[in-house]
N, C-alpha and C. Protein backbone atom coordinates (compact mmCIF):
# COMPACT_ATOMS: atom_id res chain seq x y z
N UNK A 1 62.59 86.45 93.94
CA UNK A 1 63.09 87.73 93.50
C UNK A 1 64.25 88.13 94.40
N UNK A 2 65.39 88.47 93.81
CA UNK A 2 66.52 88.91 94.62
C UNK A 2 66.49 90.43 94.74
N UNK A 3 66.90 90.88 95.89
CA UNK A 3 66.92 92.31 96.14
C UNK A 3 68.37 92.75 96.25
N UNK A 4 68.76 93.72 95.45
CA UNK A 4 70.12 94.24 95.49
C UNK A 4 70.23 95.32 96.56
N UNK A 5 71.39 95.43 97.21
CA UNK A 5 71.56 96.51 98.19
C UNK A 5 71.58 97.87 97.49
N UNK A 6 71.20 98.89 98.24
CA UNK A 6 71.23 100.25 97.69
C UNK A 6 72.68 100.63 97.39
N UNK A 7 72.91 101.24 96.24
CA UNK A 7 74.25 101.60 95.81
C UNK A 7 74.50 103.09 96.10
N UNK A 8 75.44 103.35 97.02
CA UNK A 8 75.77 104.72 97.40
C UNK A 8 77.16 105.13 96.95
N UNK A 9 77.67 104.52 95.87
CA UNK A 9 79.01 104.84 95.39
C UNK A 9 79.18 106.33 95.10
N UNK A 10 78.20 106.95 94.46
CA UNK A 10 78.30 108.37 94.11
C UNK A 10 78.31 109.23 95.37
N UNK A 11 77.51 108.89 96.36
CA UNK A 11 77.47 109.64 97.62
C UNK A 11 78.79 109.49 98.36
N UNK A 12 79.31 108.28 98.44
CA UNK A 12 80.59 108.06 99.11
C UNK A 12 81.70 108.84 98.43
N UNK A 13 81.73 108.83 97.11
CA UNK A 13 82.76 109.55 96.36
C UNK A 13 82.64 111.07 96.55
N UNK A 14 81.43 111.57 96.59
CA UNK A 14 81.22 113.02 96.69
C UNK A 14 81.53 113.57 98.08
N UNK A 15 81.26 112.80 99.12
CA UNK A 15 81.37 113.33 100.47
C UNK A 15 82.51 112.74 101.30
N UNK A 16 83.31 111.86 100.71
CA UNK A 16 84.39 111.26 101.51
C UNK A 16 85.43 112.30 101.87
N UNK A 17 86.13 112.04 102.95
CA UNK A 17 87.20 112.94 103.40
C UNK A 17 88.21 113.09 102.27
N UNK A 18 88.74 114.29 102.05
CA UNK A 18 89.64 114.48 100.90
C UNK A 18 90.95 113.70 100.98
N UNK A 19 91.37 113.32 102.18
CA UNK A 19 92.61 112.55 102.34
C UNK A 19 92.27 111.14 102.83
N UNK A 20 93.15 110.20 102.53
CA UNK A 20 92.99 108.86 103.07
C UNK A 20 93.22 108.92 104.58
N UNK A 21 92.47 108.13 105.33
CA UNK A 21 92.59 108.12 106.78
C UNK A 21 93.48 106.96 107.22
N UNK A 22 94.52 107.24 108.03
CA UNK A 22 95.36 106.16 108.54
C UNK A 22 94.56 105.26 109.48
N UNK A 23 94.72 103.97 109.31
CA UNK A 23 94.03 102.96 110.13
C UNK A 23 95.07 101.96 110.62
N UNK A 24 95.04 101.69 111.91
CA UNK A 24 95.91 100.67 112.50
C UNK A 24 95.03 99.55 113.02
N UNK A 25 95.33 98.33 112.63
CA UNK A 25 94.62 97.16 113.15
C UNK A 25 95.51 96.46 114.16
N UNK A 26 94.90 95.98 115.23
CA UNK A 26 95.64 95.23 116.24
C UNK A 26 94.95 93.90 116.49
N UNK A 27 95.68 93.00 117.08
CA UNK A 27 95.14 91.74 117.57
C UNK A 27 95.44 91.70 119.06
N UNK A 28 94.42 91.42 119.86
CA UNK A 28 94.61 91.42 121.30
C UNK A 28 94.16 90.13 121.93
N UNK A 29 94.69 89.89 123.12
CA UNK A 29 94.30 88.73 123.90
C UNK A 29 94.72 88.96 125.34
N UNK A 30 94.17 88.15 126.22
CA UNK A 30 94.57 88.21 127.62
C UNK A 30 95.85 87.40 127.81
N UNK A 31 96.84 88.02 128.45
CA UNK A 31 98.09 87.34 128.80
C UNK A 31 98.31 87.57 130.28
N UNK A 32 98.28 86.49 131.05
CA UNK A 32 98.42 86.56 132.51
C UNK A 32 97.43 87.54 133.12
N UNK A 33 96.19 87.53 132.63
CA UNK A 33 95.13 88.36 133.17
C UNK A 33 95.14 89.81 132.71
N UNK A 34 96.07 90.18 131.85
CA UNK A 34 96.16 91.54 131.34
C UNK A 34 95.85 91.57 129.84
N UNK A 35 95.07 92.55 129.41
CA UNK A 35 94.75 92.69 127.99
C UNK A 35 95.95 93.29 127.28
N UNK A 36 96.42 92.63 126.23
CA UNK A 36 97.57 93.12 125.47
C UNK A 36 97.24 93.08 123.98
N UNK A 37 97.67 94.14 123.29
CA UNK A 37 97.46 94.22 121.85
C UNK A 37 98.80 94.29 121.14
N UNK A 38 98.84 93.72 119.94
CA UNK A 38 100.01 93.86 119.08
C UNK A 38 99.54 94.28 117.69
N UNK A 39 100.35 95.05 117.01
CA UNK A 39 99.99 95.54 115.68
C UNK A 39 99.77 94.39 114.71
N UNK A 40 98.71 94.51 113.93
CA UNK A 40 98.42 93.52 112.89
C UNK A 40 98.54 94.15 111.51
N UNK A 41 98.91 95.44 111.47
CA UNK A 41 99.10 96.09 110.18
C UNK A 41 98.52 97.49 110.14
N UNK A 42 99.05 98.27 109.23
CA UNK A 42 98.57 99.63 108.98
C UNK A 42 98.04 99.72 107.56
N UNK A 43 97.04 100.56 107.38
CA UNK A 43 96.47 100.77 106.05
C UNK A 43 95.85 102.15 106.02
N UNK A 44 95.40 102.56 104.87
CA UNK A 44 94.70 103.82 104.72
C UNK A 44 93.34 103.54 104.11
N UNK A 45 92.32 104.24 104.60
CA UNK A 45 90.96 103.99 104.11
C UNK A 45 90.32 105.29 103.61
N UNK A 46 89.35 105.13 102.73
CA UNK A 46 88.50 106.23 102.29
C UNK A 46 87.23 106.15 103.11
N UNK A 47 86.75 107.32 103.59
CA UNK A 47 85.54 107.31 104.41
C UNK A 47 84.90 108.68 104.44
N UNK A 48 83.59 108.69 104.62
CA UNK A 48 82.88 109.91 105.01
C UNK A 48 82.99 109.96 106.53
N UNK A 49 83.42 111.10 107.06
CA UNK A 49 83.57 111.26 108.50
C UNK A 49 82.56 112.27 108.99
N UNK A 50 81.74 111.87 109.95
CA UNK A 50 80.74 112.75 110.55
C UNK A 50 80.96 112.82 112.05
N UNK A 51 80.60 113.95 112.65
CA UNK A 51 80.69 114.07 114.11
C UNK A 51 79.61 113.20 114.75
N UNK A 52 79.96 112.56 115.85
CA UNK A 52 78.98 111.78 116.59
C UNK A 52 78.16 112.76 117.44
N UNK A 53 76.83 112.65 117.42
CA UNK A 53 76.01 113.55 118.24
C UNK A 53 76.36 113.42 119.72
N UNK A 54 76.31 114.55 120.45
CA UNK A 54 76.65 114.55 121.88
C UNK A 54 75.75 113.58 122.64
N UNK A 55 74.48 113.52 122.31
CA UNK A 55 73.57 112.61 123.00
C UNK A 55 74.02 111.16 122.86
N UNK A 56 74.57 110.81 121.73
CA UNK A 56 75.06 109.45 121.50
C UNK A 56 76.27 109.17 122.39
N UNK A 57 77.14 110.16 122.56
CA UNK A 57 78.31 109.98 123.42
C UNK A 57 77.90 109.70 124.85
N UNK A 58 76.82 110.30 125.31
CA UNK A 58 76.39 110.12 126.69
C UNK A 58 75.82 108.74 126.96
N UNK A 59 75.45 107.99 125.93
CA UNK A 59 74.89 106.66 126.14
C UNK A 59 75.94 105.60 126.45
N UNK A 60 77.21 105.89 126.14
CA UNK A 60 78.25 104.92 126.44
C UNK A 60 78.45 104.84 127.94
N UNK A 61 78.65 103.63 128.43
CA UNK A 61 78.78 103.42 129.87
C UNK A 61 80.02 104.13 130.41
N UNK A 62 79.99 104.40 131.71
CA UNK A 62 81.12 105.05 132.35
C UNK A 62 82.37 104.20 132.16
N UNK A 63 83.47 104.84 131.88
CA UNK A 63 84.71 104.12 131.57
C UNK A 63 84.94 104.10 130.08
N UNK A 64 83.88 104.15 129.30
CA UNK A 64 83.99 104.23 127.85
C UNK A 64 83.60 105.63 127.38
N UNK A 65 83.31 106.52 128.34
CA UNK A 65 82.87 107.86 127.99
C UNK A 65 84.00 108.61 127.29
N UNK A 66 83.63 109.50 126.42
CA UNK A 66 84.61 110.26 125.66
C UNK A 66 84.04 111.62 125.32
N UNK A 67 84.94 112.58 125.17
CA UNK A 67 84.51 113.92 124.81
C UNK A 67 84.33 114.07 123.31
N UNK A 68 84.70 113.05 122.54
CA UNK A 68 84.61 113.17 121.09
C UNK A 68 84.36 111.80 120.46
N UNK A 69 83.63 111.84 119.37
CA UNK A 69 83.37 110.61 118.63
C UNK A 69 83.10 110.95 117.17
N UNK A 70 83.33 109.97 116.31
CA UNK A 70 83.06 110.15 114.89
C UNK A 70 82.28 108.95 114.38
N UNK A 71 81.60 109.18 113.28
CA UNK A 71 80.90 108.11 112.58
C UNK A 71 81.53 108.01 111.20
N UNK A 72 81.89 106.81 110.81
CA UNK A 72 82.58 106.57 109.54
C UNK A 72 81.69 105.78 108.61
N UNK A 73 81.54 106.25 107.39
CA UNK A 73 80.84 105.52 106.33
C UNK A 73 81.91 105.13 105.33
N UNK A 74 82.13 103.83 105.14
CA UNK A 74 83.22 103.37 104.30
C UNK A 74 82.90 102.02 103.68
N UNK A 75 83.58 101.73 102.59
CA UNK A 75 83.46 100.40 101.98
C UNK A 75 84.45 99.42 102.62
N UNK A 76 85.38 99.94 103.42
CA UNK A 76 86.36 99.09 104.09
C UNK A 76 85.75 98.37 105.28
N UNK A 77 86.37 97.28 105.67
CA UNK A 77 85.99 96.56 106.88
C UNK A 77 86.87 97.04 108.02
N UNK A 78 86.22 97.48 109.10
CA UNK A 78 86.93 97.85 110.31
C UNK A 78 86.56 96.85 111.41
N UNK A 79 87.38 96.77 112.42
CA UNK A 79 87.19 95.76 113.47
C UNK A 79 87.00 96.43 114.82
N UNK A 80 86.15 95.83 115.63
CA UNK A 80 85.99 96.29 117.01
C UNK A 80 85.80 95.06 117.88
N UNK A 81 86.36 95.13 119.07
CA UNK A 81 86.33 93.95 119.94
C UNK A 81 85.74 94.29 121.29
N UNK A 82 85.20 93.27 121.90
CA UNK A 82 84.71 93.36 123.27
C UNK A 82 85.71 92.57 124.10
N UNK A 83 86.56 93.28 124.84
CA UNK A 83 87.64 92.59 125.54
C UNK A 83 87.15 91.79 126.74
N UNK A 84 85.82 91.73 126.93
CA UNK A 84 85.28 90.89 128.00
C UNK A 84 85.31 89.42 127.62
N UNK A 85 85.53 89.10 126.35
CA UNK A 85 85.57 87.71 125.89
C UNK A 85 86.97 87.14 126.11
N UNK A 86 87.26 86.76 127.34
CA UNK A 86 88.59 86.28 127.70
C UNK A 86 88.96 85.04 126.90
N UNK A 87 90.22 84.98 126.51
CA UNK A 87 90.72 83.80 125.83
C UNK A 87 90.53 83.80 124.34
N UNK A 88 89.86 84.78 123.79
CA UNK A 88 89.63 84.82 122.35
C UNK A 88 90.53 85.87 121.71
N UNK A 89 91.10 85.53 120.55
CA UNK A 89 91.87 86.52 119.81
C UNK A 89 90.90 87.56 119.27
N UNK A 90 91.22 88.81 119.46
CA UNK A 90 90.32 89.88 119.07
C UNK A 90 91.04 90.84 118.13
N UNK A 91 90.33 91.34 117.12
CA UNK A 91 90.88 92.36 116.22
C UNK A 91 90.26 93.70 116.59
N UNK A 92 91.05 94.75 116.46
CA UNK A 92 90.59 96.09 116.79
C UNK A 92 91.19 97.07 115.80
N UNK A 93 90.37 98.03 115.33
CA UNK A 93 90.85 99.07 114.42
C UNK A 93 90.87 100.41 115.14
N UNK A 94 91.89 101.20 114.82
CA UNK A 94 92.04 102.57 115.32
C UNK A 94 92.19 103.48 114.11
N UNK A 95 91.51 104.62 114.14
CA UNK A 95 91.56 105.59 113.05
C UNK A 95 92.24 106.86 113.55
N UNK A 96 93.16 107.38 112.75
CA UNK A 96 93.79 108.67 113.05
C UNK A 96 93.01 109.73 112.28
N UNK A 97 92.52 110.74 113.02
CA UNK A 97 91.72 111.79 112.37
C UNK A 97 91.95 113.12 113.10
N UNK A 98 92.37 114.13 112.38
CA UNK A 98 92.63 115.47 112.88
C UNK A 98 93.53 115.47 114.12
N UNK A 99 94.56 114.65 114.09
CA UNK A 99 95.54 114.62 115.17
C UNK A 99 95.14 113.78 116.37
N UNK A 100 94.00 113.13 116.31
CA UNK A 100 93.53 112.29 117.41
C UNK A 100 93.40 110.85 116.95
N UNK A 101 93.44 109.95 117.90
CA UNK A 101 93.25 108.53 117.61
C UNK A 101 91.86 108.14 118.09
N UNK A 102 91.12 107.44 117.23
CA UNK A 102 89.78 106.99 117.55
C UNK A 102 89.72 105.47 117.52
N UNK A 103 89.11 104.88 118.53
CA UNK A 103 88.94 103.43 118.62
C UNK A 103 87.56 103.07 118.09
N UNK A 104 87.50 102.20 117.09
CA UNK A 104 86.22 101.77 116.53
C UNK A 104 85.51 100.94 117.60
N UNK A 105 84.25 101.32 117.91
CA UNK A 105 83.52 100.67 119.01
C UNK A 105 82.25 99.96 118.58
N UNK A 106 81.81 100.16 117.36
CA UNK A 106 80.57 99.50 116.96
C UNK A 106 80.24 99.77 115.51
N UNK A 107 79.17 99.13 115.06
CA UNK A 107 78.74 99.26 113.68
C UNK A 107 77.24 99.53 113.62
N UNK A 108 76.85 100.20 112.54
CA UNK A 108 75.43 100.47 112.32
C UNK A 108 74.76 99.40 111.48
N UNK A 109 75.49 98.33 111.15
CA UNK A 109 74.95 97.19 110.39
C UNK A 109 74.27 97.61 109.09
N UNK A 110 74.93 98.48 108.33
CA UNK A 110 74.37 98.92 107.05
C UNK A 110 74.67 97.95 105.91
N UNK A 111 75.82 97.27 105.97
CA UNK A 111 76.21 96.39 104.88
C UNK A 111 75.17 95.29 104.72
N UNK A 112 74.78 95.04 103.51
CA UNK A 112 73.70 94.09 103.22
C UNK A 112 72.50 94.86 102.71
N UNK A 113 72.13 95.92 103.42
CA UNK A 113 71.06 96.81 103.00
C UNK A 113 71.60 97.83 102.00
N UNK A 114 72.89 98.12 102.13
CA UNK A 114 73.55 99.06 101.23
C UNK A 114 74.94 98.51 100.91
N UNK A 115 75.69 99.24 100.11
CA UNK A 115 77.01 98.74 99.71
C UNK A 115 78.14 99.42 100.49
N UNK A 116 77.88 99.83 101.74
CA UNK A 116 78.92 100.41 102.57
C UNK A 116 78.72 100.00 104.03
N UNK A 117 79.75 100.23 104.83
CA UNK A 117 79.70 99.95 106.27
C UNK A 117 79.59 101.27 107.03
N UNK A 118 78.98 101.24 108.17
CA UNK A 118 78.86 102.40 109.04
C UNK A 118 79.43 102.00 110.40
N UNK A 119 80.42 102.78 110.89
CA UNK A 119 81.06 102.47 112.17
C UNK A 119 81.06 103.68 113.08
N UNK A 120 81.07 103.41 114.38
CA UNK A 120 81.21 104.46 115.39
C UNK A 120 82.58 104.31 116.01
N UNK A 121 83.23 105.44 116.29
CA UNK A 121 84.56 105.42 116.90
C UNK A 121 84.64 106.52 117.95
N UNK A 122 85.25 106.19 119.09
CA UNK A 122 85.42 107.14 120.18
C UNK A 122 86.88 107.56 120.28
N UNK A 123 87.10 108.81 120.70
CA UNK A 123 88.47 109.28 120.89
C UNK A 123 89.15 108.39 121.92
N UNK A 124 90.36 108.00 121.60
CA UNK A 124 91.09 107.02 122.41
C UNK A 124 92.34 107.68 122.97
N UNK A 125 92.52 107.52 124.27
CA UNK A 125 93.71 108.07 124.93
C UNK A 125 94.68 106.94 125.19
N UNK A 126 95.88 107.07 124.68
CA UNK A 126 96.89 106.02 124.83
C UNK A 126 97.46 106.00 126.22
């Protein structure tokens, strides 16, 4: 018996942000011991945007701490990288929301169980 993922198309359509969200993807790698990123393209995505609970923000290790975070529910694929993996090409997505830039830092692994992705993003200071 095959099990289909839960379909949340109506929920996504009803609660998504009214405007498309700008998304910048980058590709990064270590060059002479320094992490460097270059643009891999810009796009716009549809997403439900929720505030990240304060308690969740406090769980991020020092250095990754942020005063703001968002949770994105979207059908789009976003990328997040762990720059500790030296020597590997890494993709990273950044979301522009309410005048701030947010770095995608993780996923809730919803795809497969449902027909959308869930991502966490922290406010990013350039």
